[in-house]
Amino acid sequence: MTNTTTPAVELDAKDLPAHCPNPAMPLWSSHPRVFLEFRHDGIAKCPYCGTAYRLKAGVSAGHH
């Protein structure tokens, strides 16, 4: 069996606030837009499709 896990989508500060589906996803795979909450380790996962998102090194999601 091969490993078919998809790598996390890396986001930069300009991509925040982050949401899924992201602009690079095809229209046919759309689901309702959900804004992502990042954990302390910089990882977020979409509750609809399971896409993983990761902040690039040095980027902080910051809470206002």
C-alpha atoms as a PDB file:
ATOM      1  CA  MET A   1       0.000   0.000   0.000  1.00  0.00           C
ATOM      2  CA  THR A   2       1.191   3.517  -0.712  1.00  0.00           C
ATOM      3  CA  ASN A   3       0.912   6.462   1.616  1.00  0.00           C
ATOM      4  CA  THR A   4      -1.627   8.876   0.114  1.00  0.00           C
ATOM      5  CA  THR A   5      -1.678  11.513   2.827  1.00  0.00           C
ATOM      6  CA  THR A   6      -1.761  15.007   1.460  1.00  0.00           C
ATOM      7  CA  PRO A   7       0.791  17.421   2.894  1.00  0.00           C
ATOM      8  CA  ALA A   8      -0.525  20.366   4.868  1.00  0.00           C
ATOM      9  CA  VAL A   9      -1.224  23.593   3.018  1.00  0.00           C
ATOM     10  CA  GLU A  10       1.406  26.106   4.182  1.00  0.00           C
ATOM     11  CA  LEU A  11       0.136  29.601   4.885  1.00  0.00           C
ATOM     12  CA  ASP A  12       1.947  32.916   5.192  1.00  0.00           C
ATOM     13  CA  ALA A  13       0.817  36.015   7.100  1.00  0.00           C
ATOM     14  CA  LYS A  14      -0.779  37.418   3.925  1.00  0.00           C
ATOM     15  CA  ASP A  15      -3.107  34.362   3.838  1.00  0.00           C
ATOM     16  CA  LEU A  16      -4.670  35.174   7.214  1.00  0.00           C
ATOM     17  CA  PRO A  17      -7.399  34.994   8.282  1.00  0.00           C
ATOM     18  CA  ALA A  18      -7.384  31.494   6.831  1.00  0.00           C
ATOM     19  CA  HIS A  19     -10.483  29.735   5.616  1.00  0.00           C
ATOM     20  CA  CYS A  20     -11.441  26.540   3.848  1.00  0.00           C
ATOM     21  CA  PRO A  21     -12.160  25.908   1.064  1.00  0.00           C
ATOM     22  CA  ASN A  22      -9.138  27.905   0.009  1.00  0.00           C
ATOM     23  CA  PRO A  23      -8.931  29.753  -3.341  1.00  0.00           C
ATOM     24  CA  ALA A  24      -6.801  26.985  -4.893  1.00  0.00           C
ATOM     25  CA  MET A  25      -9.478  24.307  -4.390  1.00  0.00           C
ATOM     26  CA  PRO A  26     -11.658  23.370  -7.364  1.00  0.00           C
ATOM     27  CA  LEU A  27     -15.259  24.570  -7.263  1.00  0.00           C
ATOM     28  CA  TRP A  28     -16.667  21.020  -7.380  1.00  0.00           C
ATOM     29  CA  SER A  29     -15.109  20.203  -4.021  1.00  0.00           C
ATOM     30  CA  SER A  30     -16.644  23.197  -2.250  1.00  0.00           C
ATOM     31  CA  HIS A  31     -18.276  23.121   1.142  1.00  0.00           C
ATOM     32  CA  PRO A  32     -19.485  25.986   3.338  1.00  0.00           C
ATOM     33  CA  ARG A  33     -16.682  28.438   4.135  1.00  0.00           C
ATOM     34  CA  VAL A  34     -15.251  27.945   7.589  1.00  0.00           C
ATOM     35  CA  PHE A  35     -12.575  30.115   9.185  1.00  0.00           C
ATOM     36  CA  LEU A  36      -9.784  28.070  10.734  1.00  0.00           C
ATOM     37  CA  GLU A  37      -8.567  28.195  14.305  1.00  0.00           C
ATOM     38  CA  PHE A  38      -4.898  27.358  14.666  1.00  0.00           C
ATOM     39  CA  ARG A  39      -3.559  25.368  17.594  1.00  0.00           C
ATOM     40  CA  HIS A  40      -0.475  26.536  19.496  1.00  0.00           C
ATOM     41  CA  ASP A  41       1.693  24.420  17.174  1.00  0.00           C
ATOM     42  CA  GLY A  42       0.455  26.346  14.093  1.00  0.00           C
ATOM     43  CA  ILE A  43      -1.734  23.550  12.712  1.00  0.00           C
ATOM     44  CA  ALA A  44      -5.428  23.744  11.785  1.00  0.00           C
ATOM     45  CA  LYS A  45      -7.687  21.152  10.209  1.00  0.00           C
ATOM     46  CA  CYS A  46     -10.884  21.793   8.277  1.00  0.00           C
ATOM     47  CA  PRO A  47     -13.855  20.156  10.029  1.00  0.00           C
ATOM     48  CA  TYR A  48     -15.602  19.548   6.685  1.00  0.00           C
ATOM     49  CA  CYS A  49     -12.980  18.071   4.363  1.00  0.00           C
ATOM     50  CA  GLY A  50     -10.073  17.357   6.708  1.00  0.00           C
ATOM     51  CA  THR A  51      -7.572  19.504   4.816  1.00  0.00           C
ATOM     52  CA  ALA A  52      -4.639  20.328   7.093  1.00  0.00           C
ATOM     53  CA  TYR A  53      -3.172  23.818   7.202  1.00  0.00           C
ATOM     54  CA  ARG A  54       0.163  24.827   8.715  1.00  0.00           C
ATOM     55  CA  LEU A  55       1.573  28.282   9.376  1.00  0.00           C
ATOM     56  CA  LYS A  56       5.012  28.896   7.894  1.00  0.00           C
ATOM     57  CA  ALA A  57       7.882  29.292  10.338  1.00  0.00           C
ATOM     58  CA  GLY A  58       7.738  32.647  12.120  1.00  0.00           C
ATOM     59  CA  VAL A  59       4.071  33.314  11.291  1.00  0.00           C
ATOM     60  CA  SER A  60       1.649  33.782  14.166  1.00  0.00           C
ATOM     61  CA  ALA A  61      -2.113  33.509  13.825  1.00  0.00           C
ATOM     62  CA  GLY A  62      -2.500  35.913  16.754  1.00  0.00           C
ATOM     63  CA  HIS A  63      -5.833  36.467  18.423  1.00  0.00           C
ATOM     64  CA  HIS A  64      -7.383  39.917  18.523  1.00  0.00           C
END
